[in-house]
Amino acid sequence: KAQLDLYRIVQEVLNNVVKHAQASEVQMQAHHDGRQLVLRIADKGVGFDTDQQMESGGFGLTSIRQRVKSLHGSLRLTNTPGHGTTVELSLPLSRLKGSSSHRVD
């Protein structure tokens, strides 16, 4: 379940980039320190009005927040209208370790 939640978070962030950002570039970085997985997705798009988006309660951001919370993680959204958006989340690796693992070489 936790790995699926992480997949859905990334899927929703990238979906938002495609649908709304008009981005010329997207970068995704992931690393861990043995305890936390840190994932950063940054686009060079149009950005958006964070306050307006919070008030409208967009389903995508709401879903991302709920999934991050269910994984006991933290979410930071940095936005500059006209310059892009960065989504950074930190999740405890202990929540992501499941009975199945997949290795890509």
N, C-alpha and C. Protein backbone atom coordinates (compact mmCIF):
# COMPACT_ATOMS: atom_id res chain seq x y z
N LYS A 1 0.82 -1.21 0.00
CA LYS A 1 0.00 0.00 0.00
C LYS A 1 0.86 1.26 0.00
N ALA A 2 1.89 1.31 0.82
CA ALA A 2 2.73 2.51 0.92
C ALA A 2 3.46 2.78 -0.39
N GLN A 3 3.97 1.75 -1.03
CA GLN A 3 4.67 1.94 -2.30
C GLN A 3 3.70 2.43 -3.37
N LEU A 4 2.47 1.94 -3.34
CA LEU A 4 1.45 2.41 -4.27
C LEU A 4 1.12 3.87 -4.00
N ASP A 5 1.03 4.25 -2.72
CA ASP A 5 0.78 5.66 -2.38
C ASP A 5 1.89 6.55 -2.93
N LEU A 6 3.14 6.13 -2.78
CA LEU A 6 4.26 6.91 -3.30
C LEU A 6 4.15 7.04 -4.82
N TYR A 7 3.84 5.95 -5.49
CA TYR A 7 3.66 5.98 -6.94
C TYR A 7 2.56 6.97 -7.32
N ARG A 8 1.44 6.93 -6.61
CA ARG A 8 0.32 7.83 -6.92
C ARG A 8 0.67 9.29 -6.65
N ILE A 9 1.47 9.56 -5.64
CA ILE A 9 1.91 10.93 -5.36
C ILE A 9 2.71 11.46 -6.55
N VAL A 10 3.70 10.67 -6.99
CA VAL A 10 4.54 11.09 -8.12
C VAL A 10 3.68 11.25 -9.37
N GLN A 11 2.78 10.32 -9.58
CA GLN A 11 1.89 10.38 -10.74
C GLN A 11 1.06 11.66 -10.73
N GLU A 12 0.52 12.02 -9.58
CA GLU A 12 -0.32 13.22 -9.49
C GLU A 12 0.50 14.49 -9.68
N VAL A 13 1.70 14.55 -9.10
CA VAL A 13 2.55 15.72 -9.29
C VAL A 13 2.87 15.89 -10.77
N LEU A 14 3.29 14.82 -11.43
CA LEU A 14 3.62 14.91 -12.85
C LEU A 14 2.39 15.21 -13.70
N ASN A 15 1.25 14.67 -13.32
CA ASN A 15 0.00 14.98 -14.01
C ASN A 15 -0.30 16.48 -13.92
N ASN A 16 -0.10 17.07 -12.74
CA ASN A 16 -0.32 18.50 -12.57
C ASN A 16 0.63 19.32 -13.45
N VAL A 17 1.87 18.85 -13.56
CA VAL A 17 2.84 19.55 -14.41
C VAL A 17 2.35 19.53 -15.86
N VAL A 18 1.92 18.37 -16.33
CA VAL A 18 1.47 18.24 -17.72
C VAL A 18 0.21 19.07 -17.97
N LYS A 19 -0.74 19.02 -17.04
CA LYS A 19 -2.02 19.68 -17.24
C LYS A 19 -1.97 21.19 -17.05
N HIS A 20 -1.13 21.67 -16.14
CA HIS A 20 -1.23 23.06 -15.73
C HIS A 20 0.02 23.91 -15.89
N ALA A 21 1.20 23.31 -15.84
CA ALA A 21 2.42 24.11 -15.68
C ALA A 21 2.94 24.75 -16.97
N GLN A 22 2.59 24.17 -18.10
CA GLN A 22 3.17 24.66 -19.36
C GLN A 22 4.70 24.72 -19.22
N ALA A 23 5.25 23.67 -18.65
CA ALA A 23 6.67 23.66 -18.28
C ALA A 23 7.58 23.40 -19.47
N SER A 24 8.69 24.12 -19.49
CA SER A 24 9.72 23.89 -20.49
C SER A 24 10.69 22.81 -20.02
N GLU A 25 10.68 22.52 -18.73
CA GLU A 25 11.60 21.54 -18.16
C GLU A 25 11.04 21.04 -16.83
N VAL A 26 11.29 19.76 -16.55
CA VAL A 26 10.92 19.17 -15.26
C VAL A 26 12.11 18.37 -14.78
N GLN A 27 12.46 18.54 -13.51
CA GLN A 27 13.54 17.76 -12.92
C GLN A 27 12.99 16.99 -11.73
N MET A 28 13.42 15.73 -11.62
CA MET A 28 13.01 14.92 -10.48
C MET A 28 14.28 14.33 -9.86
N GLN A 29 14.40 14.51 -8.56
CA GLN A 29 15.55 14.01 -7.82
C GLN A 29 15.04 13.23 -6.61
N ALA A 30 15.73 12.15 -6.31
CA ALA A 30 15.39 11.37 -5.12
C ALA A 30 16.69 10.93 -4.45
N HIS A 31 16.69 10.98 -3.14
CA HIS A 31 17.82 10.46 -2.37
C HIS A 31 17.31 10.06 -0.98
N HIS A 32 18.12 9.32 -0.27
CA HIS A 32 17.75 8.95 1.10
C HIS A 32 18.99 8.98 1.98
N ASP A 33 18.74 9.11 3.26
CA ASP A 33 19.83 9.15 4.23
C ASP A 33 19.81 7.92 5.14
N GLY A 34 19.09 6.89 4.71
CA GLY A 34 18.96 5.68 5.52
C GLY A 34 17.69 5.67 6.35
N ARG A 35 17.14 6.84 6.61
CA ARG A 35 15.91 6.95 7.39
C ARG A 35 14.77 7.58 6.60
N GLN A 36 15.10 8.57 5.77
CA GLN A 36 14.09 9.32 5.03
C GLN A 36 14.37 9.26 3.52
N LEU A 37 13.32 9.13 2.76
CA LEU A 37 13.38 9.30 1.32
C LEU A 37 12.97 10.74 1.04
N VAL A 38 13.79 11.46 0.31
CA VAL A 38 13.47 12.83 -0.06
C VAL A 38 13.30 12.85 -1.58
N LEU A 39 12.15 13.31 -2.00
CA LEU A 39 11.82 13.39 -3.42
C LEU A 39 11.51 14.84 -3.75
N ARG A 40 12.15 15.32 -4.82
CA ARG A 40 11.98 16.71 -5.24
C ARG A 40 11.63 16.72 -6.72
N ILE A 41 10.49 17.33 -7.05
CA ILE A 41 10.07 17.48 -8.44
C ILE A 41 9.90 18.98 -8.68
N ALA A 42 10.68 19.51 -9.62
CA ALA A 42 10.66 20.94 -9.90
C ALA A 42 10.39 21.16 -11.39
N ASP A 43 9.49 22.07 -11.67
CA ASP A 43 9.22 22.40 -13.07
C ASP A 43 9.54 23.87 -13.33
N LYS A 44 9.87 24.14 -14.57
CA LYS A 44 10.07 25.52 -15.01
C LYS A 44 8.85 25.88 -15.83
N GLY A 45 7.76 26.09 -15.11
CA GLY A 45 6.48 26.40 -15.75
C GLY A 45 5.93 27.73 -15.31
N VAL A 46 4.64 27.89 -15.48
CA VAL A 46 3.99 29.17 -15.19
C VAL A 46 3.71 29.39 -13.71
N GLY A 47 3.80 28.33 -12.91
CA GLY A 47 3.47 28.47 -11.50
C GLY A 47 1.98 28.72 -11.31
N PHE A 48 1.60 29.03 -10.10
CA PHE A 48 0.19 29.32 -9.81
C PHE A 48 0.08 30.09 -8.52
N ASP A 49 -1.07 30.64 -8.29
CA ASP A 49 -1.35 31.39 -7.06
C ASP A 49 -1.66 30.39 -5.96
N THR A 50 -0.72 30.19 -5.05
CA THR A 50 -0.85 29.19 -4.00
C THR A 50 -2.08 29.43 -3.14
N ASP A 51 -2.33 30.68 -2.74
CA ASP A 51 -3.49 30.99 -1.89
C ASP A 51 -4.79 30.64 -2.59
N GLN A 52 -4.89 31.00 -3.86
CA GLN A 52 -6.11 30.70 -4.61
C GLN A 52 -6.31 29.19 -4.73
N GLN A 53 -5.23 28.46 -4.99
CA GLN A 53 -5.33 27.00 -5.12
C GLN A 53 -5.74 26.36 -3.81
N MET A 54 -5.23 26.87 -2.70
CA MET A 54 -5.58 26.32 -1.39
C MET A 54 -7.07 26.53 -1.11
N GLU A 55 -7.57 27.71 -1.48
CA GLU A 55 -8.98 28.01 -1.24
C GLU A 55 -9.89 27.15 -2.10
N SER A 56 -9.47 26.90 -3.34
CA SER A 56 -10.32 26.11 -4.23
C SER A 56 -10.30 24.64 -3.87
N GLY A 57 -9.30 24.22 -3.09
CA GLY A 57 -9.25 22.83 -2.65
C GLY A 57 -9.11 21.84 -3.78
N GLY A 58 -8.23 22.14 -4.73
CA GLY A 58 -8.02 21.25 -5.87
C GLY A 58 -7.80 19.82 -5.43
N PHE A 59 -8.48 18.90 -6.10
CA PHE A 59 -8.42 17.49 -5.71
C PHE A 59 -7.01 16.93 -5.77
N GLY A 60 -6.22 17.34 -6.76
CA GLY A 60 -4.87 16.80 -6.91
C GLY A 60 -4.00 17.08 -5.70
N LEU A 61 -3.94 18.34 -5.29
CA LEU A 61 -3.12 18.69 -4.13
C LEU A 61 -3.68 18.08 -2.85
N THR A 62 -4.99 18.02 -2.74
CA THR A 62 -5.60 17.40 -1.57
C THR A 62 -5.22 15.93 -1.48
N SER A 63 -5.27 15.24 -2.60
CA SER A 63 -4.90 13.83 -2.65
C SER A 63 -3.43 13.63 -2.28
N ILE A 64 -2.57 14.48 -2.80
CA ILE A 64 -1.15 14.38 -2.48
C ILE A 64 -0.94 14.58 -0.98
N ARG A 65 -1.55 15.61 -0.43
CA ARG A 65 -1.41 15.89 1.02
C ARG A 65 -1.87 14.70 1.86
N GLN A 66 -3.02 14.14 1.50
CA GLN A 66 -3.57 13.01 2.26
C GLN A 66 -2.64 11.80 2.21
N ARG A 67 -2.11 11.53 1.03
CA ARG A 67 -1.21 10.37 0.90
C ARG A 67 0.09 10.58 1.67
N VAL A 68 0.65 11.79 1.59
CA VAL A 68 1.88 12.07 2.35
C VAL A 68 1.61 11.94 3.84
N LYS A 69 0.48 12.46 4.29
CA LYS A 69 0.13 12.36 5.72
C LYS A 69 -0.03 10.90 6.14
N SER A 70 -0.66 10.09 5.30
CA SER A 70 -0.87 8.68 5.65
C SER A 70 0.46 7.93 5.74
N LEU A 71 1.48 8.44 5.07
CA LEU A 71 2.81 7.83 5.14
C LEU A 71 3.68 8.46 6.22
N HIS A 72 3.10 9.35 7.02
CA HIS A 72 3.81 10.05 8.10
C HIS A 72 4.96 10.89 7.57
N GLY A 73 4.74 11.49 6.41
CA GLY A 73 5.76 12.30 5.79
C GLY A 73 5.46 13.78 5.86
N SER A 74 6.31 14.55 5.22
CA SER A 74 6.10 16.00 5.16
C SER A 74 6.14 16.43 3.70
N LEU A 75 5.42 17.50 3.43
CA LEU A 75 5.29 18.02 2.08
C LEU A 75 5.58 19.51 2.10
N ARG A 76 6.38 19.95 1.13
CA ARG A 76 6.65 21.38 1.00
C ARG A 76 6.42 21.76 -0.46
N LEU A 77 5.64 22.77 -0.66
CA LEU A 77 5.32 23.26 -1.99
C LEU A 77 5.87 24.68 -2.10
N THR A 78 6.76 24.88 -3.06
CA THR A 78 7.33 26.20 -3.29
C THR A 78 6.91 26.63 -4.69
N ASN A 79 6.38 27.80 -4.78
CA ASN A 79 5.81 28.24 -6.04
C ASN A 79 6.16 29.69 -6.30
N THR A 80 6.54 29.96 -7.53
CA THR A 80 6.79 31.33 -7.96
C THR A 80 6.04 31.54 -9.27
N PRO A 81 4.91 32.27 -9.22
CA PRO A 81 4.17 32.50 -10.47
C PRO A 81 5.08 33.03 -11.58
N GLY A 82 5.01 32.40 -12.72
CA GLY A 82 5.83 32.78 -13.85
C GLY A 82 7.18 32.07 -13.91
N HIS A 83 7.54 31.36 -12.84
CA HIS A 83 8.86 30.72 -12.80
C HIS A 83 8.82 29.24 -12.44
N GLY A 84 7.71 28.73 -11.98
CA GLY A 84 7.63 27.30 -11.73
C GLY A 84 7.27 26.92 -10.31
N THR A 85 7.18 25.62 -10.14
CA THR A 85 6.75 25.04 -8.87
C THR A 85 7.71 23.91 -8.49
N THR A 86 7.99 23.81 -7.19
CA THR A 86 8.78 22.71 -6.67
C THR A 86 7.97 22.01 -5.59
N VAL A 87 7.87 20.70 -5.72
CA VAL A 87 7.23 19.87 -4.71
C VAL A 87 8.32 19.02 -4.09
N GLU A 88 8.45 19.12 -2.78
CA GLU A 88 9.45 18.32 -2.07
C GLU A 88 8.76 17.55 -0.96
N LEU A 89 8.98 16.25 -0.94
CA LEU A 89 8.40 15.47 0.14
C LEU A 89 9.46 14.60 0.77
N SER A 90 9.26 14.38 2.03
CA SER A 90 10.16 13.56 2.83
C SER A 90 9.31 12.48 3.49
N LEU A 91 9.70 11.23 3.26
CA LEU A 91 8.93 10.10 3.78
C LEU A 91 9.84 9.15 4.53
N PRO A 92 9.39 8.64 5.67
CA PRO A 92 10.21 7.67 6.39
C PRO A 92 10.33 6.38 5.59
N LEU A 93 11.56 5.92 5.39
CA LEU A 93 11.77 4.68 4.65
C LEU A 93 11.07 3.50 5.30
N SER A 94 10.94 3.54 6.62
CA SER A 94 10.29 2.43 7.32
C SER A 94 8.84 2.25 6.87
N ARG A 95 8.21 3.32 6.42
CA ARG A 95 6.81 3.24 5.94
C ARG A 95 6.74 2.69 4.52
N LEU A 96 7.85 2.79 3.77
CA LEU A 96 7.84 2.40 2.37
C LEU A 96 8.29 0.96 2.15
N LYS A 97 8.93 0.38 3.15
CA LYS A 97 9.40 -0.99 3.00
C LYS A 97 8.21 -1.93 3.11
N GLY A 98 8.01 -2.70 2.07
CA GLY A 98 6.88 -3.62 2.04
C GLY A 98 7.37 -5.04 1.83
N SER A 99 6.43 -5.93 1.65
CA SER A 99 6.75 -7.33 1.45
C SER A 99 7.32 -7.59 0.07
N SER A 100 7.08 -6.68 -0.87
CA SER A 100 7.62 -6.87 -2.21
C SER A 100 8.58 -5.74 -2.52
N SER A 101 9.62 -6.08 -3.23
CA SER A 101 10.57 -5.07 -3.66
C SER A 101 10.93 -5.36 -5.11
N HIS A 102 11.27 -4.32 -5.82
CA HIS A 102 11.63 -4.44 -7.21
C HIS A 102 12.95 -3.75 -7.43
N ARG A 103 13.82 -4.43 -8.13
CA ARG A 103 15.15 -3.87 -8.40
C ARG A 103 15.26 -3.60 -9.89
N VAL A 104 15.75 -2.42 -10.21
CA VAL A 104 15.98 -2.07 -11.60
C VAL A 104 17.48 -1.83 -11.75
N ASP A 105 18.11 -2.59 -12.60
CA ASP A 105 19.56 -2.44 -12.83
C ASP A 105 19.85 -1.64 -14.07
